[in-house]
Amino acid sequence: MREFVAAAVQLAPSPGPLTAASMAANTARAIELTRQCHGATGAELIVLPESVTTGFTPGIDTAALWDLVSELPGPVLQPFADLAAELGVHLVLGTYERGPERGVVYNAAVVLDSAGELLGVYRKTHPFGGERADRGGWVTPGEDVLVVDTSLGRIGVIICFDGDYPELSRITALAGAELICRPSALLRSADIWELTNRARAYDNHVYVVGSNATGVDPGGVIYFGNSMIVTPIAEVIARASSHECWVSARLDPDTAMRSLTPGSSVPQSFDHLADRNLALIRKNAELLMSEARTSFKLG
């Protein structure tokens, strides 16, 4: 990884019924704010929220959503690919993806390079609650991690609720990610948002760039923004408020792990990846992969 400026842009989806026109408006607004962010910060990596083209809760059935979105690459993604090439910037953004048959929709995030080329597609592996198709929702889960090599460094991707699962970010880091982008439309609390961003950064000694939605989506759900950038020692070095805006920070791999805590004279002396007790992990591999549930009553 080399030194560069990263940014997270947060914006509100168009409220009301999801239509082709509202998707076009969402795309235009995302492009406008991304262009403004790049002009103000010179960021070489810009991360946009989860489902930025539609809003998270679509408010329509899965078949109708399938009809509105596209395959990746495809028409939904093309304006962002053109923008990445125009600005010479890497983009990470979330969008629903049309699956192989009508009614199969993935909650996806893509990495575009500075020439507008699609480097990879990540499909959310842990859809949130009612989002899951097997619980009456609209999203079919993915099964793979994503880490791509770029001129900036090795970039991994998770989406929103994925950040609650330490195993996913650990696998992504072990696959080589130096930075994890987390496009989100998180609708729980700012405390949970910060906790999981900082924990996943610290667990794996990676940068985390989390871009969270704000405003109200087509399903009437309200989001709080608070996009942030976190260092490999869990320091929040950029934090947004709750309105449409962006935040940026310079990421420097030479200083990322210099001190034990931010500003401390005590040097960093441990590595959460290298210091894993692999004998313990191997001994308990079957347990780690077994089904389980909390002993506490839900709801």
C-alpha atoms as a PDB file:
ATOM      1  CA  MET A   1       0.000   0.000   0.000  1.00  0.00           C
ATOM      2  CA  ARG A   2       1.173   3.531  -0.736  1.00  0.00           C
ATOM      3  CA  GLU A   3       0.212   6.830   0.852  1.00  0.00           C
ATOM      4  CA  PHE A   4      -2.966   8.420  -0.550  1.00  0.00           C
ATOM      5  CA  VAL A   5      -6.114  10.351   0.380  1.00  0.00           C
ATOM      6  CA  ALA A   6      -9.319   8.358   0.875  1.00  0.00           C
ATOM      7  CA  ALA A   7     -12.801   9.773   1.247  1.00  0.00           C
ATOM      8  CA  ALA A   8     -16.297   8.635   2.193  1.00  0.00           C
ATOM      9  CA  VAL A   9     -19.303  10.369   0.663  1.00  0.00           C
ATOM     10  CA  GLN A  10     -22.690  10.047   2.356  1.00  0.00           C
ATOM     11  CA  LEU A  11     -25.954  11.029   0.727  1.00  0.00           C
ATOM     12  CA  ALA A  12     -29.692  10.582   0.998  1.00  0.00           C
ATOM     13  CA  PRO A  13     -31.669   8.460  -1.478  1.00  0.00           C
ATOM     14  CA  SER A  14     -34.731   9.824  -3.207  1.00  0.00           C
ATOM     15  CA  PRO A  15     -37.733   9.240  -0.904  1.00  0.00           C
ATOM     16  CA  GLY A  16     -41.005   7.780  -2.075  1.00  0.00           C
ATOM     17  CA  PRO A  17     -41.660   4.932  -4.524  1.00  0.00           C
ATOM     18  CA  LEU A  18     -38.616   3.418  -6.220  1.00  0.00           C
ATOM     19  CA  THR A  19     -38.756   3.978  -9.974  1.00  0.00           C
ATOM     20  CA  ALA A  20     -36.355   4.215 -12.874  1.00  0.00           C
ATOM     21  CA  ALA A  21     -36.596   8.010 -12.515  1.00  0.00           C
ATOM     22  CA  SER A  22     -35.698   7.961  -8.799  1.00  0.00           C
ATOM     23  CA  MET A  23     -32.766   5.644  -9.518  1.00  0.00           C
ATOM     24  CA  ALA A  24     -31.534   8.089 -12.158  1.00  0.00           C
ATOM     25  CA  ALA A  25     -31.865  10.920  -9.624  1.00  0.00           C
ATOM     26  CA  ASN A  26     -29.921   8.917  -7.015  1.00  0.00           C
ATOM     27  CA  THR A  27     -27.160   8.261  -9.512  1.00  0.00           C
ATOM     28  CA  ALA A  28     -26.985  11.906 -10.568  1.00  0.00           C
ATOM     29  CA  ARG A  29     -26.786  13.084  -6.944  1.00  0.00           C
ATOM     30  CA  ALA A  30     -24.083  10.539  -6.109  1.00  0.00           C
ATOM     31  CA  ILE A  31     -22.054  11.630  -9.128  1.00  0.00           C
ATOM     32  CA  GLU A  32     -22.470  15.306  -8.241  1.00  0.00           C
ATOM     33  CA  LEU A  33     -21.272  14.824  -4.651  1.00  0.00           C
ATOM     34  CA  THR A  34     -18.434  12.538  -5.714  1.00  0.00           C
ATOM     35  CA  ARG A  35     -17.229  15.129  -8.206  1.00  0.00           C
ATOM     36  CA  GLN A  36     -17.403  17.849  -5.533  1.00  0.00           C
ATOM     37  CA  CYS A  37     -15.569  15.645  -3.032  1.00  0.00           C
ATOM     38  CA  HIS A  38     -12.792  14.898  -5.479  1.00  0.00           C
ATOM     39  CA  GLY A  39     -12.424  18.554  -6.388  1.00  0.00           C
ATOM     40  CA  ALA A  40     -12.161  19.562  -2.724  1.00  0.00           C
ATOM     41  CA  THR A  41      -9.947  16.756  -1.422  1.00  0.00           C
ATOM     42  CA  GLY A  42      -8.081  15.227  -4.360  1.00  0.00           C
ATOM     43  CA  ALA A  43      -9.027  11.810  -2.974  1.00  0.00           C
ATOM     44  CA  GLU A  44      -7.763   8.849  -4.986  1.00  0.00           C
ATOM     45  CA  LEU A  45     -10.285   6.479  -3.384  1.00  0.00           C
ATOM     46  CA  ILE A  46     -13.904   7.488  -2.785  1.00  0.00           C
ATOM     47  CA  VAL A  47     -16.406   5.188  -1.082  1.00  0.00           C
ATOM     48  CA  LEU A  48     -20.178   5.618  -1.477  1.00  0.00           C
ATOM     49  CA  PRO A  49     -22.936   4.008   0.627  1.00  0.00           C
ATOM     50  CA  GLU A  50     -24.667   0.664   0.309  1.00  0.00           C
ATOM     51  CA  SER A  51     -27.424   0.495  -2.341  1.00  0.00           C
ATOM     52  CA  VAL A  52     -26.633   4.085  -3.321  1.00  0.00           C
ATOM     53  CA  THR A  53     -28.573   3.780  -6.587  1.00  0.00           C
ATOM     54  CA  THR A  54     -31.851   2.802  -4.906  1.00  0.00           C
ATOM     55  CA  GLY A  55     -31.783   3.290  -1.152  1.00  0.00           C
ATOM     56  CA  PHE A  56     -31.586   0.245   1.109  1.00  0.00           C
ATOM     57  CA  THR A  57     -35.265  -0.626   1.627  1.00  0.00           C
ATOM     58  CA  PRO A  58     -36.703  -0.655  -1.903  1.00  0.00           C
ATOM     59  CA  GLY A  59     -40.378  -0.714  -0.929  1.00  0.00           C
ATOM     60  CA  ILE A  60     -41.216  -2.955  -3.906  1.00  0.00           C
ATOM     61  CA  ASP A  61     -41.200  -6.713  -4.365  1.00  0.00           C
ATOM     62  CA  THR A  62     -38.098  -8.592  -5.426  1.00  0.00           C
ATOM     63  CA  ALA A  63     -39.269  -9.242  -8.985  1.00  0.00           C
ATOM     64  CA  ALA A  64     -39.953  -5.533  -9.538  1.00  0.00           C
ATOM     65  CA  LEU A  65     -36.552  -4.668  -8.049  1.00  0.00           C
ATOM     66  CA  TRP A  66     -34.919  -7.218 -10.366  1.00  0.00           C
ATOM     67  CA  ASP A  67     -36.567  -5.476 -13.320  1.00  0.00           C
ATOM     68  CA  LEU A  68     -35.170  -2.062 -12.288  1.00  0.00           C
ATOM     69  CA  VAL A  69     -31.562  -3.020 -11.592  1.00  0.00           C
ATOM     70  CA  SER A  70     -29.017  -4.642 -13.916  1.00  0.00           C
ATOM     71  CA  GLU A  71     -26.222  -7.143 -14.088  1.00  0.00           C
ATOM     72  CA  LEU A  72     -22.728  -5.977 -13.130  1.00  0.00           C
ATOM     73  CA  PRO A  73     -21.208  -4.610 -15.233  1.00  0.00           C
ATOM     74  CA  GLY A  74     -24.310  -3.115 -16.773  1.00  0.00           C
ATOM     75  CA  PRO A  75     -26.369   0.050 -17.243  1.00  0.00           C
ATOM     76  CA  VAL A  76     -26.711   0.790 -13.500  1.00  0.00           C
ATOM     77  CA  LEU A  77     -22.925   0.808 -13.058  1.00  0.00           C
ATOM     78  CA  GLN A  78     -21.864   2.531 -16.290  1.00  0.00           C
ATOM     79  CA  PRO A  79     -22.283   6.167 -15.111  1.00  0.00           C
ATOM     80  CA  PHE A  80     -19.970   5.450 -12.160  1.00  0.00           C
ATOM     81  CA  ALA A  81     -17.404   3.739 -14.400  1.00  0.00           C
ATOM     82  CA  ASP A  82     -17.446   6.800 -16.640  1.00  0.00           C
ATOM     83  CA  LEU A  83     -17.014   9.051 -13.589  1.00  0.00           C
ATOM     84  CA  ALA A  84     -14.067   7.031 -12.246  1.00  0.00           C
ATOM     85  CA  ALA A  85     -12.330   7.344 -15.619  1.00  0.00           C
ATOM     86  CA  GLU A  86     -13.152  11.048 -15.893  1.00  0.00           C
ATOM     87  CA  LEU A  87     -11.750  11.860 -12.440  1.00  0.00           C
ATOM     88  CA  GLY A  88      -8.972   9.270 -12.461  1.00  0.00           C
ATOM     89  CA  VAL A  89     -10.182   7.977  -9.091  1.00  0.00           C
ATOM     90  CA  HIS A  90     -10.942   4.574  -7.583  1.00  0.00           C
ATOM     91  CA  LEU A  91     -14.603   4.183  -6.598  1.00  0.00           C
ATOM     92  CA  VAL A  92     -16.290   1.719  -4.258  1.00  0.00           C
ATOM     93  CA  LEU A  93     -20.081   1.787  -4.189  1.00  0.00           C
ATOM     94  CA  GLY A  94     -23.061  -0.336  -3.327  1.00  0.00           C
ATOM     95  CA  THR A  95     -25.908  -1.238  -5.670  1.00  0.00           C
ATOM     96  CA  TYR A  96     -28.420  -4.020  -6.027  1.00  0.00           C
ATOM     97  CA  GLU A  97     -27.427  -6.512  -8.712  1.00  0.00           C
ATOM     98  CA  ARG A  98     -29.723  -8.489 -11.006  1.00  0.00           C
ATOM     99  CA  GLY A  99     -29.196 -12.223 -10.459  1.00  0.00           C
ATOM    100  CA  PRO A 100     -29.400 -15.061 -12.990  1.00  0.00           C
ATOM    101  CA  GLU A 101     -33.192 -15.357 -12.815  1.00  0.00           C
ATOM    102  CA  ARG A 102     -36.053 -12.962 -12.100  1.00  0.00           C
ATOM    103  CA  GLY A 103     -36.455 -12.551  -8.359  1.00  0.00           C
ATOM    104  CA  VAL A 104     -32.794 -13.245  -7.489  1.00  0.00           C
ATOM    105  CA  VAL A 105     -31.196  -9.994  -6.336  1.00  0.00           C
ATOM    106  CA  TYR A 106     -27.809  -9.511  -4.698  1.00  0.00           C
ATOM    107  CA  ASN A 107     -26.793  -6.654  -2.438  1.00  0.00           C
ATOM    108  CA  ALA A 108     -23.496  -5.910  -4.132  1.00  0.00           C
ATOM    109  CA  ALA A 109     -20.572  -3.532  -3.927  1.00  0.00           C
ATOM    110  CA  VAL A 110     -18.051  -2.910  -6.674  1.00  0.00           C
ATOM    111  CA  VAL A 111     -14.488  -1.653  -6.962  1.00  0.00           C
ATOM    112  CA  LEU A 112     -13.751   0.500 -10.009  1.00  0.00           C
ATOM    113  CA  ASP A 113     -10.203   1.557 -10.813  1.00  0.00           C
ATOM    114  CA  SER A 114      -9.056   4.967 -12.023  1.00  0.00           C
ATOM    115  CA  ALA A 115      -9.648   3.937 -15.650  1.00  0.00           C
ATOM    116  CA  GLY A 116     -13.234   2.952 -14.881  1.00  0.00           C
ATOM    117  CA  GLU A 117     -12.495  -0.776 -15.110  1.00  0.00           C
ATOM    118  CA  LEU A 118     -14.478  -3.102 -12.854  1.00  0.00           C
ATOM    119  CA  LEU A 119     -11.957  -4.866 -10.623  1.00  0.00           C
ATOM    120  CA  GLY A 120     -14.416  -6.936  -8.638  1.00  0.00           C
ATOM    121  CA  VAL A 121     -17.938  -7.436  -7.319  1.00  0.00           C
ATOM    122  CA  TYR A 122     -18.666  -8.371  -3.714  1.00  0.00           C
ATOM    123  CA  ARG A 123     -22.090  -9.768  -2.811  1.00  0.00           C
ATOM    124  CA  LYS A 124     -23.170  -9.198   0.790  1.00  0.00           C
ATOM    125  CA  THR A 125     -22.670 -12.450   2.656  1.00  0.00           C
ATOM    126  CA  HIS A 126     -24.695 -11.484   5.756  1.00  0.00           C
ATOM    127  CA  PRO A 127     -27.947  -9.782   4.698  1.00  0.00           C
ATOM    128  CA  PHE A 128     -29.630  -7.997   7.594  1.00  0.00           C
ATOM    129  CA  GLY A 129     -32.761  -9.559   9.141  1.00  0.00           C
ATOM    130  CA  GLY A 130     -35.767  -8.860   6.932  1.00  0.00           C
ATOM    131  CA  GLU A 131     -33.497  -8.116   3.958  1.00  0.00           C
ATOM    132  CA  ARG A 132     -32.886 -11.849   3.553  1.00  0.00           C
ATOM    133  CA  ALA A 133     -34.888 -13.567   0.824  1.00  0.00           C
ATOM    134  CA  ASP A 134     -35.365 -16.628   3.032  1.00  0.00           C
ATOM    135  CA  ARG A 135     -37.086 -14.390   5.600  1.00  0.00           C
ATOM    136  CA  GLY A 136     -39.425 -12.686   3.184  1.00  0.00           C
ATOM    137  CA  GLY A 137     -36.934 -10.053   2.029  1.00  0.00           C
ATOM    138  CA  TRP A 138     -35.299  -9.311  -1.292  1.00  0.00           C
ATOM    139  CA  VAL A 139     -31.609 -10.296  -1.087  1.00  0.00           C
ATOM    140  CA  THR A 140     -29.907 -13.609  -1.835  1.00  0.00           C
ATOM    141  CA  PRO A 141     -26.597 -13.826   0.081  1.00  0.00           C
ATOM    142  CA  GLY A 142     -23.203 -14.129  -1.566  1.00  0.00           C
ATOM    143  CA  GLU A 143     -20.596 -16.728  -0.650  1.00  0.00           C
ATOM    144  CA  ASP A 144     -17.198 -15.160  -1.407  1.00  0.00           C
ATOM    145  CA  VAL A 145     -14.851 -12.523  -0.048  1.00  0.00           C
ATOM    146  CA  LEU A 146     -13.358  -9.877  -2.305  1.00  0.00           C
ATOM    147  CA  VAL A 147      -9.819  -8.483  -2.254  1.00  0.00           C
ATOM    148  CA  VAL A 148      -8.475  -6.674  -5.317  1.00  0.00           C
ATOM    149  CA  ASP A 149      -5.014  -5.397  -6.154  1.00  0.00           C
ATOM    150  CA  THR A 150      -4.953  -1.719  -7.104  1.00  0.00           C
ATOM    151  CA  SER A 151      -2.300   0.931  -7.626  1.00  0.00           C
ATOM    152  CA  LEU A 152      -3.220   2.218  -4.147  1.00  0.00           C
ATOM    153  CA  GLY A 153      -2.939  -1.087  -2.328  1.00  0.00           C
ATOM    154  CA  ARG A 154      -4.974  -4.228  -1.709  1.00  0.00           C
ATOM    155  CA  ILE A 155      -8.622  -3.307  -1.136  1.00  0.00           C
ATOM    156  CA  GLY A 156     -11.210  -5.575   0.480  1.00  0.00           C
ATOM    157  CA  VAL A 157     -14.956  -4.969   0.670  1.00  0.00           C
ATOM    158  CA  ILE A 158     -17.679  -5.786   3.185  1.00  0.00           C
ATOM    159  CA  ILE A 159     -21.207  -4.324   3.330  1.00  0.00           C
ATOM    160  CA  CYS A 160     -22.942  -2.894   6.404  1.00  0.00           C
ATOM    161  CA  PHE A 161     -24.176  -5.821   8.604  1.00  0.00           C
ATOM    162  CA  ASP A 162     -21.171  -7.846   7.411  1.00  0.00           C
ATOM    163  CA  GLY A 163     -19.171  -5.708   9.831  1.00  0.00           C
ATOM    164  CA  ASP A 164     -20.835  -7.482  12.775  1.00  0.00           C
ATOM    165  CA  TYR A 165     -19.073 -10.714  11.818  1.00  0.00           C
ATOM    166  CA  PRO A 166     -15.374 -10.742  12.784  1.00  0.00           C
ATOM    167  CA  GLU A 167     -14.725 -13.885  10.758  1.00  0.00           C
ATOM    168  CA  LEU A 168     -15.490 -12.167   7.459  1.00  0.00           C
ATOM    169  CA  SER A 169     -13.118  -9.254   7.994  1.00  0.00           C
ATOM    170  CA  ARG A 170     -10.455 -11.635   9.311  1.00  0.00           C
ATOM    171  CA  ILE A 171     -10.710 -13.790   6.185  1.00  0.00           C
ATOM    172  CA  THR A 172     -10.588 -10.634   4.050  1.00  0.00           C
ATOM    173  CA  ALA A 173      -7.448  -9.473   5.860  1.00  0.00           C
ATOM    174  CA  LEU A 174      -5.841 -12.903   5.602  1.00  0.00           C
ATOM    175  CA  ALA A 175      -6.574 -12.786   1.858  1.00  0.00           C
ATOM    176  CA  GLY A 176      -4.339  -9.726   1.730  1.00  0.00           C
ATOM    177  CA  ALA A 177      -6.550  -6.671   2.298  1.00  0.00           C
ATOM    178  CA  GLU A 178      -4.731  -3.631   3.665  1.00  0.00           C
ATOM    179  CA  LEU A 179      -7.868  -1.503   3.603  1.00  0.00           C
ATOM    180  CA  ILE A 180     -11.495  -2.622   3.957  1.00  0.00           C
ATOM    181  CA  CYS A 181     -14.252  -0.488   2.448  1.00  0.00           C
ATOM    182  CA  ARG A 182     -17.651  -0.774   4.107  1.00  0.00           C
ATOM    183  CA  PRO A 183     -20.509   0.745   2.076  1.00  0.00           C
ATOM    184  CA  SER A 184     -23.456   0.845   4.486  1.00  0.00           C
ATOM    185  CA  ALA A 185     -27.019   1.844   5.192  1.00  0.00           C
ATOM    186  CA  LEU A 186     -26.788   1.055   8.884  1.00  0.00           C
ATOM    187  CA  LEU A 187     -30.044   1.583  10.755  1.00  0.00           C
ATOM    188  CA  ARG A 188     -29.202   0.648  14.326  1.00  0.00           C
ATOM    189  CA  SER A 189     -27.121   3.106  16.359  1.00  0.00           C
ATOM    190  CA  ALA A 190     -24.078   5.321  15.922  1.00  0.00           C
ATOM    191  CA  ASP A 191     -22.455   3.428  18.815  1.00  0.00           C
ATOM    192  CA  ILE A 192     -22.753   0.077  17.016  1.00  0.00           C
ATOM    193  CA  TRP A 193     -21.515   1.682  13.792  1.00  0.00           C
ATOM    194  CA  GLU A 194     -18.402   3.067  15.452  1.00  0.00           C
ATOM    195  CA  LEU A 195     -17.790  -0.035  17.548  1.00  0.00           C
ATOM    196  CA  THR A 196     -17.808  -2.397  14.593  1.00  0.00           C
ATOM    197  CA  ASN A 197     -15.741  -0.135  12.339  1.00  0.00           C
ATOM    198  CA  ARG A 198     -13.070   0.336  14.991  1.00  0.00           C
ATOM    199  CA  ALA A 199     -13.084  -3.300  16.075  1.00  0.00           C
ATOM    200  CA  ARG A 200     -12.699  -4.675  12.554  1.00  0.00           C
ATOM    201  CA  ALA A 201      -9.860  -2.203  11.866  1.00  0.00           C
ATOM    202  CA  TYR A 202      -8.092  -3.095  15.123  1.00  0.00           C
ATOM    203  CA  ASP A 203      -8.738  -6.859  14.930  1.00  0.00           C
ATOM    204  CA  ASN A 204      -6.960  -7.066  11.612  1.00  0.00           C
ATOM    205  CA  HIS A 205      -4.670  -3.998  11.526  1.00  0.00           C
ATOM    206  CA  VAL A 206      -6.327  -2.618   8.393  1.00  0.00           C
ATOM    207  CA  TYR A 207      -7.724   0.773   7.475  1.00  0.00           C
ATOM    208  CA  VAL A 208     -11.532   0.855   7.351  1.00  0.00           C
ATOM    209  CA  VAL A 209     -13.422   3.389   5.245  1.00  0.00           C
ATOM    210  CA  GLY A 210     -17.093   3.256   6.181  1.00  0.00           C
ATOM    211  CA  SER A 211     -19.605   5.227   4.122  1.00  0.00           C
ATOM    212  CA  ASN A 212     -23.080   5.271   5.660  1.00  0.00           C
ATOM    213  CA  ALA A 213     -26.337   6.487   4.139  1.00  0.00           C
ATOM    214  CA  THR A 214     -28.306   9.416   5.487  1.00  0.00           C
ATOM    215  CA  GLY A 215     -31.848  10.635   4.883  1.00  0.00           C
ATOM    216  CA  VAL A 216     -34.945   8.497   4.257  1.00  0.00           C
ATOM    217  CA  ASP A 217     -35.137   5.608   1.789  1.00  0.00           C
ATOM    218  CA  PRO A 218     -38.108   4.486  -0.364  1.00  0.00           C
ATOM    219  CA  GLY A 219     -39.255   2.167   2.436  1.00  0.00           C
ATOM    220  CA  GLY A 220     -39.369   5.070   4.911  1.00  0.00           C
ATOM    221  CA  VAL A 221     -36.304   4.008   6.907  1.00  0.00           C
ATOM    222  CA  ILE A 222     -34.155   6.813   8.358  1.00  0.00           C
ATOM    223  CA  TYR A 223     -30.332   6.787   8.373  1.00  0.00           C
ATOM    224  CA  PHE A 224     -27.850   8.774  10.445  1.00  0.00           C
ATOM    225  CA  GLY A 225     -24.684   9.095   8.361  1.00  0.00           C
ATOM    226  CA  ASN A 226     -21.582   9.336  10.574  1.00  0.00           C
ATOM    227  CA  SER A 227     -19.325   7.991   7.830  1.00  0.00           C
ATOM    228  CA  MET A 228     -15.797   7.486   9.118  1.00  0.00           C
ATOM    229  CA  ILE A 229     -12.235   6.488   8.382  1.00  0.00           C
ATOM    230  CA  VAL A 230     -10.397   4.334  10.940  1.00  0.00           C
ATOM    231  CA  THR A 231      -6.700   3.465  11.207  1.00  0.00           C
ATOM    232  CA  PRO A 232      -5.190   0.010  11.871  1.00  0.00           C
ATOM    233  CA  ILE A 233      -4.878   0.931  15.577  1.00  0.00           C
ATOM    234  CA  ALA A 234      -8.590   1.880  15.786  1.00  0.00           C
ATOM    235  CA  GLU A 235      -8.215   5.667  15.665  1.00  0.00           C
ATOM    236  CA  VAL A 236     -11.085   7.498  13.985  1.00  0.00           C
ATOM    237  CA  ILE A 237      -9.275  10.077  11.833  1.00  0.00           C
ATOM    238  CA  ALA A 238     -12.333  11.387   9.977  1.00  0.00           C
ATOM    239  CA  ARG A 239     -15.978  11.457  11.021  1.00  0.00           C
ATOM    240  CA  ALA A 240     -19.012  12.896   9.227  1.00  0.00           C
ATOM    241  CA  SER A 241     -22.160  14.356  10.734  1.00  0.00           C
ATOM    242  CA  SER A 242     -25.681  13.293   9.788  1.00  0.00           C
ATOM    243  CA  HIS A 243     -26.350  15.359   6.650  1.00  0.00           C
ATOM    244  CA  GLU A 244     -25.127  14.909   3.087  1.00  0.00           C
ATOM    245  CA  CYS A 245     -21.372  15.528   3.051  1.00  0.00           C
ATOM    246  CA  TRP A 246     -18.016  13.813   2.769  1.00  0.00           C
ATOM    247  CA  VAL A 247     -14.985  13.216   4.948  1.00  0.00           C
ATOM    248  CA  SER A 248     -11.422  12.504   3.896  1.00  0.00           C
ATOM    249  CA  ALA A 249      -8.063  11.558   5.389  1.00  0.00           C
ATOM    250  CA  ARG A 250      -4.557  10.767   4.257  1.00  0.00           C
ATOM    251  CA  LEU A 251      -3.653   7.117   4.757  1.00  0.00           C
ATOM    252  CA  ASP A 252       0.043   6.536   5.368  1.00  0.00           C
ATOM    253  CA  PRO A 253       1.222   2.919   5.675  1.00  0.00           C
ATOM    254  CA  ASP A 254       4.592   4.024   7.059  1.00  0.00           C
ATOM    255  CA  THR A 255       3.001   5.552  10.166  1.00  0.00           C
ATOM    256  CA  ALA A 256      -0.156   3.429  10.498  1.00  0.00           C
ATOM    257  CA  MET A 257       1.377   1.060  13.072  1.00  0.00           C
ATOM    258  CA  ARG A 258       4.080   3.299  14.505  1.00  0.00           C
ATOM    259  CA  SER A 259       2.641   3.736  18.015  1.00  0.00           C
ATOM    260  CA  LEU A 260       0.715   1.565  20.453  1.00  0.00           C
ATOM    261  CA  THR A 261      -2.077   4.126  20.711  1.00  0.00           C
ATOM    262  CA  PRO A 262      -2.603   7.399  18.839  1.00  0.00           C
ATOM    263  CA  GLY A 263       0.089   9.944  19.705  1.00  0.00           C
ATOM    264  CA  SER A 264       1.857   7.619  22.146  1.00  0.00           C
ATOM    265  CA  SER A 265       5.646   7.430  22.507  1.00  0.00           C
ATOM    266  CA  VAL A 266       5.295   3.686  23.059  1.00  0.00           C
ATOM    267  CA  PRO A 267       5.912   1.791  19.806  1.00  0.00           C
ATOM    268  CA  GLN A 268       3.493  -0.834  18.495  1.00  0.00           C
ATOM    269  CA  SER A 269       4.815  -4.232  19.548  1.00  0.00           C
ATOM    270  CA  PHE A 270       2.193  -6.780  18.521  1.00  0.00           C
ATOM    271  CA  ASP A 271       0.492  -7.983  15.346  1.00  0.00           C
ATOM    272  CA  HIS A 272      -3.002  -9.454  15.641  1.00  0.00           C
ATOM    273  CA  LEU A 273      -2.486 -11.493  12.471  1.00  0.00           C
ATOM    274  CA  ALA A 274       0.987 -12.843  13.108  1.00  0.00           C
ATOM    275  CA  ASP A 275       0.310 -13.501  16.808  1.00  0.00           C
ATOM    276  CA  ARG A 276      -2.746 -15.713  16.350  1.00  0.00           C
ATOM    277  CA  ASN A 277      -2.606 -19.009  18.252  1.00  0.00           C
ATOM    278  CA  LEU A 278      -3.045 -21.277  15.248  1.00  0.00           C
ATOM    279  CA  ALA A 279      -2.923 -24.439  17.362  1.00  0.00           C
ATOM    280  CA  LEU A 280      -5.948 -23.204  19.296  1.00  0.00           C
ATOM    281  CA  ILE A 281      -7.772 -22.273  16.104  1.00  0.00           C
ATOM    282  CA  ARG A 282      -7.081 -25.666  14.511  1.00  0.00           C
ATOM    283  CA  LYS A 283      -8.189 -27.458  17.682  1.00  0.00           C
ATOM    284  CA  ASN A 284     -11.499 -25.597  17.661  1.00  0.00           C
ATOM    285  CA  ALA A 285     -12.072 -25.371  13.901  1.00  0.00           C
ATOM    286  CA  GLU A 286     -15.073 -27.714  14.024  1.00  0.00           C
ATOM    287  CA  LEU A 287     -16.626 -25.713  16.866  1.00  0.00           C
ATOM    288  CA  LEU A 288     -16.072 -22.463  14.978  1.00  0.00           C
ATOM    289  CA  MET A 289     -17.928 -23.910  11.998  1.00  0.00           C
ATOM    290  CA  SER A 290     -20.817 -25.395  13.978  1.00  0.00           C
ATOM    291  CA  GLU A 291     -24.311 -23.935  14.106  1.00  0.00           C
ATOM    292  CA  ALA A 292     -25.118 -21.894  17.205  1.00  0.00           C
ATOM    293  CA  ARG A 293     -27.533 -19.322  18.591  1.00  0.00           C
ATOM    294  CA  THR A 294     -27.628 -16.985  21.554  1.00  0.00           C
ATOM    295  CA  SER A 295     -29.114 -18.292  24.796  1.00  0.00           C
ATOM    296  CA  PHE A 296     -30.958 -15.005  25.267  1.00  0.00           C
ATOM    297  CA  LYS A 297     -34.501 -14.448  24.079  1.00  0.00           C
ATOM    298  CA  LEU A 298     -34.841 -12.271  20.979  1.00  0.00           C
ATOM    299  CA  GLY A 299     -37.414  -9.502  20.661  1.00  0.00           C
END
